[in-house]
């Protein structure tokens, strides 16, 4: 099982980033997926999750209307489009395979700063 995140970086407040998480080693289309983040000194929190088909999504209140989770089962990839970024979005972002055998990626750093 492997989850590899990419797309993080430094962006100014109000900017956008698109994170990707490429999955391998398991049946991606059968797996609920989620994005989480952990800021320095804070606990890891779930940001968004998406059903196997992509037909159902849910978000933490602080990102609703700004972030969009999506998936491409043909490419075994889950995405997190982040718009209107704020300094408080700064964190390491992780993707996760949800379920009885959870699995985490290694994370990608997102820094929102002017």
PDB file of N, CA and C in Angstrom:
ATOM      1  N   UNK A   1       0.850  -1.184   0.000  1.00  0.00           N
ATOM      2  CA  UNK A   1       0.000   0.000   0.000  1.00  0.00           C
ATOM      3  C   UNK A   1       0.888   1.236   0.000  1.00  0.00           C
ATOM      4  N   UNK A   2       0.532   2.182  -0.848  1.00  0.00           N
ATOM      5  CA  UNK A   2       1.305   3.417  -0.892  1.00  0.00           C
ATOM      6  C   UNK A   2       0.375   4.577  -1.216  1.00  0.00           C
ATOM      7  N   UNK A   3       0.538   5.667  -0.479  1.00  0.00           N
ATOM      8  CA  UNK A   3      -0.150   6.924  -0.747  1.00  0.00           C
ATOM      9  C   UNK A   3       0.918   8.001  -0.835  1.00  0.00           C
ATOM     10  N   UNK A   4       0.965   8.716  -1.947  1.00  0.00           N
ATOM     11  CA  UNK A   4       1.985   9.729  -2.160  1.00  0.00           C
ATOM     12  C   UNK A   4       1.315  11.062  -2.459  1.00  0.00           C
ATOM     13  N   UNK A   5       1.461  12.006  -1.515  1.00  0.00           N
ATOM     14  CA  UNK A   5       0.891  13.334  -1.691  1.00  0.00           C
ATOM     15  C   UNK A   5       1.869  14.234  -2.442  1.00  0.00           C
ATOM     16  N   UNK A   6       1.311  15.186  -3.163  1.00  0.00           N
ATOM     17  CA  UNK A   6       2.112  16.193  -3.855  1.00  0.00           C
ATOM     18  C   UNK A   6       1.275  17.448  -4.026  1.00  0.00           C
ATOM     19  N   UNK A   7       1.944  18.531  -4.397  1.00  0.00           N
ATOM     20  CA  UNK A   7       1.231  19.771  -4.688  1.00  0.00           C
ATOM     21  C   UNK A   7       1.322  20.835  -3.616  1.00  0.00           C
ATOM     22  N   UNK A   8       1.950  20.524  -2.497  1.00  0.00           N
ATOM     23  CA  UNK A   8       2.096  21.529  -1.457  1.00  0.00           C
ATOM     24  C   UNK A   8       3.108  22.585  -1.840  1.00  0.00           C
ATOM     25  N   UNK A   9       3.199  23.604  -1.007  1.00  0.00           N
ATOM     26  CA  UNK A   9       4.157  24.676  -1.263  1.00  0.00           C
ATOM     27  C   UNK A   9       3.824  25.923  -0.497  1.00  0.00           C
ATOM     28  N   UNK A  10       4.473  27.005  -0.900  1.00  0.00           N
ATOM     29  CA  UNK A  10       4.265  28.312  -0.280  1.00  0.00           C
ATOM     30  C   UNK A  10       3.326  29.125  -1.165  1.00  0.00           C
ATOM     31  N   UNK A  11       2.293  29.690  -0.572  1.00  0.00           N
ATOM     32  CA  UNK A  11       1.329  30.491  -1.332  1.00  0.00           C
ATOM     33  C   UNK A  11       0.927  31.690  -0.487  1.00  0.00           C
ATOM     34  N   UNK A  12       0.605  32.782  -1.157  1.00  0.00           N
ATOM     35  CA  UNK A  12       0.165  33.977  -0.443  1.00  0.00           C
ATOM     36  C   UNK A  12      -1.285  33.833   0.009  1.00  0.00           C
ATOM     37  N   UNK A  13      -1.686  34.549   1.058  1.00  0.00           N
ATOM     38  CA  UNK A  13      -3.096  34.538   1.463  1.00  0.00           C
ATOM     39  C   UNK A  13      -3.999  34.909   0.287  1.00  0.00           C
ATOM     40  N   UNK A  14      -5.088  34.167   0.169  1.00  0.00           N
ATOM     41  CA  UNK A  14      -5.999  34.364  -0.946  1.00  0.00           C
ATOM     42  C   UNK A  14      -5.688  33.510  -2.156  1.00  0.00           C
ATOM     43  N   UNK A  15      -4.546  32.857  -2.137  1.00  0.00           N
ATOM     44  CA  UNK A  15      -4.140  32.044  -3.265  1.00  0.00           C
ATOM     45  C   UNK A  15      -4.753  30.652  -3.245  1.00  0.00           C
ATOM     46  N   UNK A  16      -4.341  29.840  -4.215  1.00  0.00           N
ATOM     47  CA  UNK A  16      -4.889  28.487  -4.371  1.00  0.00           C
ATOM     48  C   UNK A  16      -3.769  27.462  -4.529  1.00  0.00           C
ATOM     49  N   UNK A  17      -4.072  26.259  -4.117  1.00  0.00           N
ATOM     50  CA  UNK A  17      -3.205  25.113  -4.345  1.00  0.00           C
ATOM     51  C   UNK A  17      -4.093  23.905  -4.606  1.00  0.00           C
ATOM     52  N   UNK A  18      -3.557  22.962  -5.362  1.00  0.00           N
ATOM     53  CA  UNK A  18      -4.258  21.702  -5.583  1.00  0.00           C
ATOM     54  C   UNK A  18      -3.348  20.564  -5.136  1.00  0.00           C
ATOM     55  N   UNK A  19      -3.777  19.852  -4.124  1.00  0.00           N
ATOM     56  CA  UNK A  19      -3.029  18.701  -3.644  1.00  0.00           C
ATOM     57  C   UNK A  19      -3.512  17.442  -4.361  1.00  0.00           C
ATOM     58  N   UNK A  20      -2.583  16.540  -4.592  1.00  0.00           N
ATOM     59  CA  UNK A  20      -2.907  15.247  -5.181  1.00  0.00           C
ATOM     60  C   UNK A  20      -2.384  14.142  -4.274  1.00  0.00           C
ATOM     61  N   UNK A  21      -3.061  13.018  -4.293  1.00  0.00           N
ATOM     62  CA  UNK A  21      -2.628  11.842  -3.541  1.00  0.00           C
ATOM     63  C   UNK A  21      -2.777  10.636  -4.459  1.00  0.00           C
ATOM     64  N   UNK A  22      -1.644  10.108  -4.881  1.00  0.00           N
ATOM     65  CA  UNK A  22      -1.641   8.955  -5.776  1.00  0.00           C
ATOM     66  C   UNK A  22      -1.582   7.675  -4.960  1.00  0.00           C
ATOM     67  N   UNK A  23      -2.518   6.780  -5.218  1.00  0.00           N
ATOM     68  CA  UNK A  23      -2.634   5.547  -4.447  1.00  0.00           C
ATOM     69  C   UNK A  23      -2.199   4.346  -5.267  1.00  0.00           C
ATOM     70  N   UNK A  24      -1.643   3.367  -4.584  1.00  0.00           N
ATOM     71  CA  UNK A  24      -1.274   2.119  -5.235  1.00  0.00           C
ATOM     72  C   UNK A  24      -1.249   1.007  -4.196  1.00  0.00           C
ATOM     73  N   UNK A  25      -1.354  -0.223  -4.682  1.00  0.00           N
ATOM     74  CA  UNK A  25      -1.248  -1.373  -3.800  1.00  0.00           C
ATOM     75  C   UNK A  25      -2.546  -1.853  -3.191  1.00  0.00           C
ATOM     76  N   UNK A  26      -3.650  -1.188  -3.555  1.00  0.00           N
ATOM     77  CA  UNK A  26      -4.948  -1.623  -3.064  1.00  0.00           C
ATOM     78  C   UNK A  26      -6.011  -1.179  -4.064  1.00  0.00           C
ATOM     79  N   UNK A  27      -7.246  -1.657  -3.866  1.00  0.00           N
ATOM     80  CA  UNK A  27      -8.334  -1.312  -4.770  1.00  0.00           C
ATOM     81  C   UNK A  27      -8.872   0.061  -4.399  1.00  0.00           C
ATOM     82  N   UNK A  28      -8.347   1.055  -5.062  1.00  0.00           N
ATOM     83  CA  UNK A  28      -8.657   2.450  -4.724  1.00  0.00           C
ATOM     84  C   UNK A  28     -10.146   2.732  -4.827  1.00  0.00           C
ATOM     85  N   UNK A  29     -10.774   2.228  -5.862  1.00  0.00           N
ATOM     86  CA  UNK A  29     -12.182   2.549  -6.113  1.00  0.00           C
ATOM     87  C   UNK A  29     -13.110   1.998  -5.029  1.00  0.00           C
ATOM     88  N   UNK A  30     -12.636   1.086  -4.206  1.00  0.00           N
ATOM     89  CA  UNK A  30     -13.429   0.531  -3.109  1.00  0.00           C
ATOM     90  C   UNK A  30     -13.167   1.219  -1.769  1.00  0.00           C
ATOM     91  N   UNK A  31     -12.308   2.235  -1.787  1.00  0.00           N
ATOM     92  CA  UNK A  31     -11.851   2.844  -0.542  1.00  0.00           C
ATOM     93  C   UNK A  31     -12.359   4.263  -0.371  1.00  0.00           C
ATOM     94  N   UNK A  32     -12.977   4.511   0.790  1.00  0.00           N
ATOM     95  CA  UNK A  32     -13.265   5.889   1.182  1.00  0.00           C
ATOM     96  C   UNK A  32     -11.922   6.568   1.481  1.00  0.00           C
ATOM     97  N   UNK A  33     -11.792   7.798   1.040  1.00  0.00           N
ATOM     98  CA  UNK A  33     -10.534   8.528   1.217  1.00  0.00           C
ATOM     99  C   UNK A  33     -10.788   9.846   1.949  1.00  0.00           C
ATOM    100  N   UNK A  34      -9.763  10.351   2.598  1.00  0.00           N
ATOM    101  CA  UNK A  34      -9.909  11.608   3.317  1.00  0.00           C
ATOM    102  C   UNK A  34      -8.604  12.389   3.285  1.00  0.00           C
ATOM    103  N   UNK A  35      -8.727  13.661   3.527  1.00  0.00           N
ATOM    104  CA  UNK A  35      -7.581  14.557   3.710  1.00  0.00           C
ATOM    105  C   UNK A  35      -7.608  15.056   5.160  1.00  0.00           C
ATOM    106  N   UNK A  36      -6.427  15.139   5.748  1.00  0.00           N
ATOM    107  CA  UNK A  36      -6.255  15.621   7.101  1.00  0.00           C
ATOM    108  C   UNK A  36      -5.128  16.635   7.097  1.00  0.00           C
ATOM    109  N   UNK A  37      -5.042  17.400   8.166  1.00  0.00           N
ATOM    110  CA  UNK A  37      -3.922  18.322   8.301  1.00  0.00           C
ATOM    111  C   UNK A  37      -3.498  18.422   9.751  1.00  0.00           C
ATOM    112  N   UNK A  38      -2.232  18.778   9.915  1.00  0.00           N
ATOM    113  CA  UNK A  38      -1.694  18.977  11.257  1.00  0.00           C
ATOM    114  C   UNK A  38      -0.800  20.201  11.255  1.00  0.00           C
ATOM    115  N   UNK A  39      -1.224  21.187  12.020  1.00  0.00           N
ATOM    116  CA  UNK A  39      -0.435  22.399  12.172  1.00  0.00           C
ATOM    117  C   UNK A  39       0.513  22.223  13.351  1.00  0.00           C
ATOM    118  N   UNK A  40       1.614  22.999  13.393  1.00  0.00           N
ATOM    119  CA  UNK A  40       2.572  22.888  14.506  1.00  0.00           C
ATOM    120  C   UNK A  40       1.885  23.091  15.842  1.00  0.00           C
ATOM    121  N   UNK A  41       2.118  22.174  16.768  1.00  0.00           N
ATOM    122  CA  UNK A  41       1.556  22.297  18.097  1.00  0.00           C
ATOM    123  C   UNK A  41       0.094  21.946  18.227  1.00  0.00           C
ATOM    124  N   UNK A  42      -0.510  21.476  17.130  1.00  0.00           N
ATOM    125  CA  UNK A  42      -1.933  21.143  17.154  1.00  0.00           C
ATOM    126  C   UNK A  42      -2.147  19.677  16.791  1.00  0.00           C
ATOM    127  N   UNK A  43      -3.310  19.182  17.153  1.00  0.00           N
ATOM    128  CA  UNK A  43      -3.661  17.816  16.798  1.00  0.00           C
ATOM    129  C   UNK A  43      -4.044  17.733  15.321  1.00  0.00           C
ATOM    130  N   UNK A  44      -3.868  16.549  14.779  1.00  0.00           N
ATOM    131  CA  UNK A  44      -4.270  16.326  13.394  1.00  0.00           C
ATOM    132  C   UNK A  44      -5.797  16.361  13.313  1.00  0.00           C
ATOM    133  N   UNK A  45      -6.302  17.042  12.282  1.00  0.00           N
ATOM    134  CA  UNK A  45      -7.750  17.120  12.102  1.00  0.00           C
ATOM    135  C   UNK A  45      -8.134  16.695  10.693  1.00  0.00           C
ATOM    136  N   UNK A  46      -9.333  16.119  10.588  1.00  0.00           N
ATOM    137  CA  UNK A  46      -9.823  15.765   9.276  1.00  0.00           C
ATOM    138  C   UNK A  46     -10.338  17.017   8.576  1.00  0.00           C
ATOM    139  N   UNK A  47      -9.962  17.183   7.335  1.00  0.00           N
ATOM    140  CA  UNK A  47     -10.378  18.341   6.544  1.00  0.00           C
ATOM    141  C   UNK A  47     -11.572  17.990   5.662  1.00  0.00           C
ATOM    142  N   UNK A  48     -11.495  16.828   5.012  1.00  0.00           N
ATOM    143  CA  UNK A  48     -12.562  16.430   4.094  1.00  0.00           C
ATOM    144  C   UNK A  48     -12.493  14.938   3.851  1.00  0.00           C
ATOM    145  N   UNK A  49     -13.629  14.343   3.513  1.00  0.00           N
ATOM    146  CA  UNK A  49     -13.592  12.965   3.056  1.00  0.00           C
ATOM    147  C   UNK A  49     -14.552  12.780   1.889  1.00  0.00           C
ATOM    148  N   UNK A  50     -14.340  11.691   1.163  1.00  0.00           N
ATOM    149  CA  UNK A  50     -15.100  11.438  -0.056  1.00  0.00           C
ATOM    150  C   UNK A  50     -15.430   9.961  -0.152  1.00  0.00           C
ATOM    151  N   UNK A  51     -16.647   9.690  -0.573  1.00  0.00           N
ATOM    152  CA  UNK A  51     -17.101   8.299  -0.712  1.00  0.00           C
ATOM    153  C   UNK A  51     -16.392   7.616  -1.872  1.00  0.00           C
ATOM    154  N   UNK A  52     -16.619   6.333  -1.991  1.00  0.00           N
ATOM    155  CA  UNK A  52     -15.915   5.550  -3.009  1.00  0.00           C
ATOM    156  C   UNK A  52     -16.213   6.036  -4.424  1.00  0.00           C
ATOM    157  N   UNK A  53     -17.456   6.422  -4.659  1.00  0.00           N
ATOM    158  CA  UNK A  53     -17.827   6.886  -6.004  1.00  0.00           C
ATOM    159  C   UNK A  53     -17.586   8.376  -6.207  1.00  0.00           C
ATOM    160  N   UNK A  54     -17.357   9.071  -5.104  1.00  0.00           N
ATOM    161  CA  UNK A  54     -17.225  10.521  -5.168  1.00  0.00           C
ATOM    162  C   UNK A  54     -18.537  11.255  -5.020  1.00  0.00           C
ATOM    163  N   UNK A  55     -19.615  10.507  -4.844  1.00  0.00           N
ATOM    164  CA  UNK A  55     -20.922  11.129  -4.787  1.00  0.00           C
ATOM    165  C   UNK A  55     -21.254  11.790  -3.462  1.00  0.00           C
ATOM    166  N   UNK A  56     -20.472  11.470  -2.441  1.00  0.00           N
ATOM    167  CA  UNK A  56     -20.709  12.086  -1.135  1.00  0.00           C
ATOM    168  C   UNK A  56     -19.401  12.645  -0.599  1.00  0.00           C
ATOM    169  N   UNK A  57     -19.450  13.884  -0.157  1.00  0.00           N
ATOM    170  CA  UNK A  57     -18.292  14.528   0.443  1.00  0.00           C
ATOM    171  C   UNK A  57     -18.716  15.242   1.711  1.00  0.00           C
ATOM    172  N   UNK A  58     -17.741  15.489   2.572  1.00  0.00           N
ATOM    173  CA  UNK A  58     -18.015  16.257   3.783  1.00  0.00           C
ATOM    174  C   UNK A  58     -16.753  17.006   4.171  1.00  0.00           C
ATOM    175  N   UNK A  59     -16.932  18.138   4.826  1.00  0.00           N
ATOM    176  CA  UNK A  59     -15.817  19.024   5.137  1.00  0.00           C
ATOM    177  C   UNK A  59     -15.900  19.522   6.577  1.00  0.00           C
ATOM    178  N   UNK A  60     -14.740  19.813   7.132  1.00  0.00           N
ATOM    179  CA  UNK A  60     -14.724  20.522   8.403  1.00  0.00           C
ATOM    180  C   UNK A  60     -15.240  21.930   8.148  1.00  0.00           C
ATOM    181  N   UNK A  61     -15.894  22.488   9.132  1.00  0.00           N
ATOM    182  CA  UNK A  61     -16.568  23.775   8.954  1.00  0.00           C
ATOM    183  C   UNK A  61     -15.629  24.875   8.464  1.00  0.00           C
ATOM    184  N   UNK A  62     -14.410  24.869   8.937  1.00  0.00           N
ATOM    185  CA  UNK A  62     -13.474  25.961   8.637  1.00  0.00           C
ATOM    186  C   UNK A  62     -13.057  26.032   7.170  1.00  0.00           C
ATOM    187  N   UNK A  63     -13.307  24.970   6.390  1.00  0.00           N
ATOM    188  CA  UNK A  63     -12.888  24.982   4.978  1.00  0.00           C
ATOM    189  C   UNK A  63     -14.069  24.926   4.022  1.00  0.00           C
ATOM    190  N   UNK A  64     -15.271  24.815   4.553  1.00  0.00           N
ATOM    191  CA  UNK A  64     -16.443  24.738   3.685  1.00  0.00           C
ATOM    192  C   UNK A  64     -16.540  25.969   2.789  1.00  0.00           C
ATOM    193  N   UNK A  65     -16.791  25.728   1.504  1.00  0.00           N
ATOM    194  CA  UNK A  65     -16.881  26.813   0.537  1.00  0.00           C
ATOM    195  C   UNK A  65     -15.547  27.238  -0.044  1.00  0.00           C
ATOM    196  N   UNK A  66     -14.443  26.739   0.529  1.00  0.00           N
ATOM    197  CA  UNK A  66     -13.109  27.101   0.019  1.00  0.00           C
ATOM    198  C   UNK A  66     -12.366  25.892  -0.540  1.00  0.00           C
ATOM    199  N   UNK A  67     -12.553  24.736   0.073  1.00  0.00           N
ATOM    200  CA  UNK A  67     -11.851  23.516  -0.349  1.00  0.00           C
ATOM    201  C   UNK A  67     -12.831  22.568  -1.027  1.00  0.00           C
ATOM    202  N   UNK A  68     -12.309  21.812  -1.991  1.00  0.00           N
ATOM    203  CA  UNK A  68     -13.108  20.793  -2.672  1.00  0.00           C
ATOM    204  C   UNK A  68     -12.304  19.512  -2.791  1.00  0.00           C
ATOM    205  N   UNK A  69     -12.869  18.427  -2.287  1.00  0.00           N
ATOM    206  CA  UNK A  69     -12.242  17.120  -2.433  1.00  0.00           C
ATOM    207  C   UNK A  69     -12.869  16.421  -3.632  1.00  0.00           C
ATOM    208  N   UNK A  70     -12.042  15.724  -4.396  1.00  0.00           N
ATOM    209  CA  UNK A  70     -12.544  14.978  -5.548  1.00  0.00           C
ATOM    210  C   UNK A  70     -11.641  13.769  -5.762  1.00  0.00           C
ATOM    211  N   UNK A  71     -12.071  12.881  -6.633  1.00  0.00           N
ATOM    212  CA  UNK A  71     -11.271  11.695  -6.902  1.00  0.00           C
ATOM    213  C   UNK A  71     -11.449  11.275  -8.353  1.00  0.00           C
ATOM    214  N   UNK A  72     -10.415  10.607  -8.859  1.00  0.00           N
ATOM    215  CA  UNK A  72     -10.458  10.021 -10.188  1.00  0.00           C
ATOM    216  C   UNK A  72     -10.087   8.549 -10.011  1.00  0.00           C
ATOM    217  N   UNK A  73     -11.085   7.692 -10.017  1.00  0.00           N
ATOM    218  CA  UNK A  73     -10.826   6.277  -9.761  1.00  0.00           C
ATOM    219  C   UNK A  73     -10.054   5.617 -10.899  1.00  0.00           C
ATOM    220  N   UNK A  74     -10.111   6.184 -12.079  1.00  0.00           N
ATOM    221  CA  UNK A  74      -9.338   5.649 -13.200  1.00  0.00           C
ATOM    222  C   UNK A  74      -7.847   5.933 -13.020  1.00  0.00           C
ATOM    223  N   UNK A  75      -7.543   6.997 -12.291  1.00  0.00           N
ATOM    224  CA  UNK A  75      -6.146   7.376 -12.060  1.00  0.00           C
ATOM    225  C   UNK A  75      -5.682   7.042 -10.645  1.00  0.00           C
ATOM    226  N   UNK A  76      -6.564   6.429  -9.849  1.00  0.00           N
ATOM    227  CA  UNK A  76      -6.212   6.080  -8.459  1.00  0.00           C
ATOM    228  C   UNK A  76      -5.677   7.295  -7.697  1.00  0.00           C
ATOM    229  N   UNK A  77      -6.359   8.407  -7.850  1.00  0.00           N
ATOM    230  CA  UNK A  77      -5.889   9.651  -7.259  1.00  0.00           C
ATOM    231  C   UNK A  77      -7.037  10.407  -6.603  1.00  0.00           C
ATOM    232  N   UNK A  78      -6.758  10.962  -5.437  1.00  0.00           N
ATOM    233  CA  UNK A  78      -7.694  11.853  -4.764  1.00  0.00           C
ATOM    234  C   UNK A  78      -7.062  13.238  -4.701  1.00  0.00           C
ATOM    235  N   UNK A  79      -7.894  14.258  -4.840  1.00  0.00           N
ATOM    236  CA  UNK A  79      -7.415  15.639  -4.912  1.00  0.00           C
ATOM    237  C   UNK A  79      -8.033  16.484  -3.801  1.00  0.00           C
ATOM    238  N   UNK A  80      -7.344  17.570  -3.498  1.00  0.00           N
ATOM    239  CA  UNK A  80      -7.907  18.592  -2.619  1.00  0.00           C
ATOM    240  C   UNK A  80      -7.599  19.942  -3.246  1.00  0.00           C
ATOM    241  N   UNK A  81      -8.615  20.558  -3.800  1.00  0.00           N
ATOM    242  CA  UNK A  81      -8.487  21.905  -4.343  1.00  0.00           C
ATOM    243  C   UNK A  81      -8.720  22.892  -3.217  1.00  0.00           C
ATOM    244  N   UNK A  82      -7.746  23.750  -2.987  1.00  0.00           N
ATOM    245  CA  UNK A  82      -7.815  24.709  -1.882  1.00  0.00           C
ATOM    246  C   UNK A  82      -7.774  26.112  -2.451  1.00  0.00           C
ATOM    247  N   UNK A  83      -8.838  26.851  -2.248  1.00  0.00           N
ATOM    248  CA  UNK A  83      -8.938  28.231  -2.711  1.00  0.00           C
ATOM    249  C   UNK A  83      -9.054  29.179  -1.524  1.00  0.00           C
ATOM    250  N   UNK A  84      -8.834  30.441  -1.781  1.00  0.00           N
ATOM    251  CA  UNK A  84      -8.956  31.473  -0.738  1.00  0.00           C
ATOM    252  C   UNK A  84      -8.197  31.074   0.521  1.00  0.00           C
ATOM    253  N   UNK A  85      -6.971  30.658   0.331  1.00  0.00           N
ATOM    254  CA  UNK A  85      -6.189  30.150   1.451  1.00  0.00           C
ATOM    255  C   UNK A  85      -5.893  31.230   2.472  1.00  0.00           C
ATOM    256  N   UNK A  86      -5.844  30.805   3.724  1.00  0.00           N
ATOM    257  CA  UNK A  86      -5.600  31.704   4.848  1.00  0.00           C
ATOM    258  C   UNK A  86      -4.356  31.226   5.592  1.00  0.00           C
ATOM    259  N   UNK A  87      -3.710  32.132   6.331  1.00  0.00           N
ATOM    260  CA  UNK A  87      -2.536  31.705   7.115  1.00  0.00           C
ATOM    261  C   UNK A  87      -2.854  30.528   8.049  1.00  0.00           C
ATOM    262  N   UNK A  88      -4.062  30.467   8.558  1.00  0.00           N
ATOM    263  CA  UNK A  88      -4.417  29.372   9.466  1.00  0.00           C
ATOM    264  C   UNK A  88      -4.590  28.031   8.755  1.00  0.00           C
ATOM    265  N   UNK A  89      -4.504  28.016   7.446  1.00  0.00           N
ATOM    266  CA  UNK A  89      -4.504  26.754   6.700  1.00  0.00           C
ATOM    267  C   UNK A  89      -3.111  26.131   6.635  1.00  0.00           C
ATOM    268  N   UNK A  90      -2.120  26.857   7.121  1.00  0.00           N
ATOM    269  CA  UNK A  90      -0.759  26.329   7.123  1.00  0.00           C
ATOM    270  C   UNK A  90      -0.672  25.055   7.959  1.00  0.00           C
ATOM    271  N   UNK A  91      -0.173  23.999   7.348  1.00  0.00           N
ATOM    272  CA  UNK A  91      -0.113  22.695   8.016  1.00  0.00           C
ATOM    273  C   UNK A  91       0.543  21.692   7.077  1.00  0.00           C
ATOM    274  N   UNK A  92       0.836  20.529   7.630  1.00  0.00           N
ATOM    275  CA  UNK A  92       1.174  19.390   6.794  1.00  0.00           C
ATOM    276  C   UNK A  92      -0.137  18.670   6.474  1.00  0.00           C
ATOM    277  N   UNK A  93      -0.360  18.423   5.190  1.00  0.00           N
ATOM    278  CA  UNK A  93      -1.595  17.792   4.738  1.00  0.00           C
ATOM    279  C   UNK A  93      -1.316  16.334   4.384  1.00  0.00           C
ATOM    280  N   UNK A  94      -2.195  15.469   4.879  1.00  0.00           N
ATOM    281  CA  UNK A  94      -2.050  14.030   4.681  1.00  0.00           C
ATOM    282  C   UNK A  94      -3.299  13.468   4.014  1.00  0.00           C
ATOM    283  N   UNK A  95      -3.126  12.518   3.144  1.00  0.00           N
ATOM    284  CA  UNK A  95      -4.288  11.764   2.688  1.00  0.00           C
ATOM    285  C   UNK A  95      -4.316  10.435   3.432  1.00  0.00           C
ATOM    286  N   UNK A  96      -5.492   9.864   3.492  1.00  0.00           N
ATOM    287  CA  UNK A  96      -5.699   8.658   4.287  1.00  0.00           C
ATOM    288  C   UNK A  96      -6.690   7.737   3.602  1.00  0.00           C
ATOM    289  N   UNK A  97      -6.381   6.470   3.625  1.00  0.00           N
ATOM    290  CA  UNK A  97      -7.360   5.455   3.250  1.00  0.00           C
ATOM    291  C   UNK A  97      -8.172   5.150   4.507  1.00  0.00           C
ATOM    292  N   UNK A  98      -9.446   5.384   4.448  1.00  0.00           N
ATOM    293  CA  UNK A  98     -10.331   5.213   5.582  1.00  0.00           C
ATOM    294  C   UNK A  98     -10.823   3.765   5.631  1.00  0.00           C
ATOM    295  N   UNK A  99     -11.047   3.262   6.840  1.00  0.00           N
ATOM    296  CA  UNK A  99     -11.646   1.949   6.945  1.00  0.00           C
ATOM    297  C   UNK A  99     -10.971   1.072   7.970  1.00  0.00           C
ATOM    298  N   UNK A 100     -11.231  -0.220   7.857  1.00  0.00           N
ATOM    299  CA  UNK A 100     -10.733  -1.176   8.847  1.00  0.00           C
ATOM    300  C   UNK A 100      -9.207  -1.257   8.835  1.00  0.00           C
ATOM    301  N   UNK A 101      -8.622  -0.987   7.705  1.00  0.00           N
ATOM    302  CA  UNK A 101      -7.153  -0.988   7.584  1.00  0.00           C
ATOM    303  C   UNK A 101      -6.707   0.383   7.101  1.00  0.00           C
ATOM    304  N   UNK A 102      -6.749   1.379   7.970  1.00  0.00           N
ATOM    305  CA  UNK A 102      -6.376   2.735   7.544  1.00  0.00           C
ATOM    306  C   UNK A 102      -4.908   2.828   7.166  1.00  0.00           C
ATOM    307  N   UNK A 103      -4.648   3.749   6.253  1.00  0.00           N
ATOM    308  CA  UNK A 103      -3.263   3.946   5.831  1.00  0.00           C
ATOM    309  C   UNK A 103      -3.066   5.425   5.523  1.00  0.00           C
ATOM    310  N   UNK A 104      -1.913   5.954   5.938  1.00  0.00           N
ATOM    311  CA  UNK A 104      -1.599   7.377   5.763  1.00  0.00           C
ATOM    312  C   UNK A 104      -0.495   7.579   4.747  1.00  0.00           C
ATOM    313  N   UNK A 105      -0.565   8.689   4.043  1.00  0.00           N
ATOM    314  CA  UNK A 105       0.549   9.131   3.237  1.00  0.00           C
ATOM    315  C   UNK A 105       1.583   9.821   4.111  1.00  0.00           C
ATOM    316  N   UNK A 106       2.662  10.286   3.473  1.00  0.00           N
ATOM    317  CA  UNK A 106       3.766  10.879   4.233  1.00  0.00           C
ATOM    318  C   UNK A 106       3.549  12.366   4.499  1.00  0.00           C
ATOM    319  N   UNK A 107       2.597  12.960   3.796  1.00  0.00           N
ATOM    320  CA  UNK A 107       2.269  14.362   4.020  1.00  0.00           C
ATOM    321  C   UNK A 107       2.968  15.306   3.057  1.00  0.00           C
ATOM    322  N   UNK A 108       2.344  16.465   2.869  1.00  0.00           N
ATOM    323  CA  UNK A 108       2.932  17.533   2.058  1.00  0.00           C
ATOM    324  C   UNK A 108       2.696  18.851   2.775  1.00  0.00           C
ATOM    325  N   UNK A 109       3.715  19.687   2.816  1.00  0.00           N
ATOM    326  CA  UNK A 109       3.646  20.936   3.572  1.00  0.00           C
ATOM    327  C   UNK A 109       2.924  22.007   2.752  1.00  0.00           C
ATOM    328  N   UNK A 110       1.978  22.667   3.394  1.00  0.00           N
ATOM    329  CA  UNK A 110       1.315  23.841   2.823  1.00  0.00           C
ATOM    330  C   UNK A 110       1.573  25.013   3.748  1.00  0.00           C
ATOM    331  N   UNK A 111       2.152  26.073   3.204  1.00  0.00           N
ATOM    332  CA  UNK A 111       2.442  27.273   3.979  1.00  0.00           C
ATOM    333  C   UNK A 111       1.763  28.461   3.308  1.00  0.00           C
ATOM    334  N   UNK A 112       0.914  29.140   4.066  1.00  0.00           N
ATOM    335  CA  UNK A 112       0.206  30.313   3.561  1.00  0.00           C
ATOM    336  C   UNK A 112       0.765  31.535   4.286  1.00  0.00           C
ATOM    337  N   UNK A 113       1.485  32.348   3.541  1.00  0.00           N
ATOM    338  CA  UNK A 113       2.156  33.477   4.161  1.00  0.00           C
ATOM    339  C   UNK A 113       2.480  34.521   3.108  1.00  0.00           C
ATOM    340  N   UNK A 114       2.464  35.770   3.536  1.00  0.00           N
ATOM    341  CA  UNK A 114       2.862  36.847   2.625  1.00  0.00           C
ATOM    342  C   UNK A 114       4.340  37.171   2.805  1.00  0.00           C
TER     343      UNK A 114
END
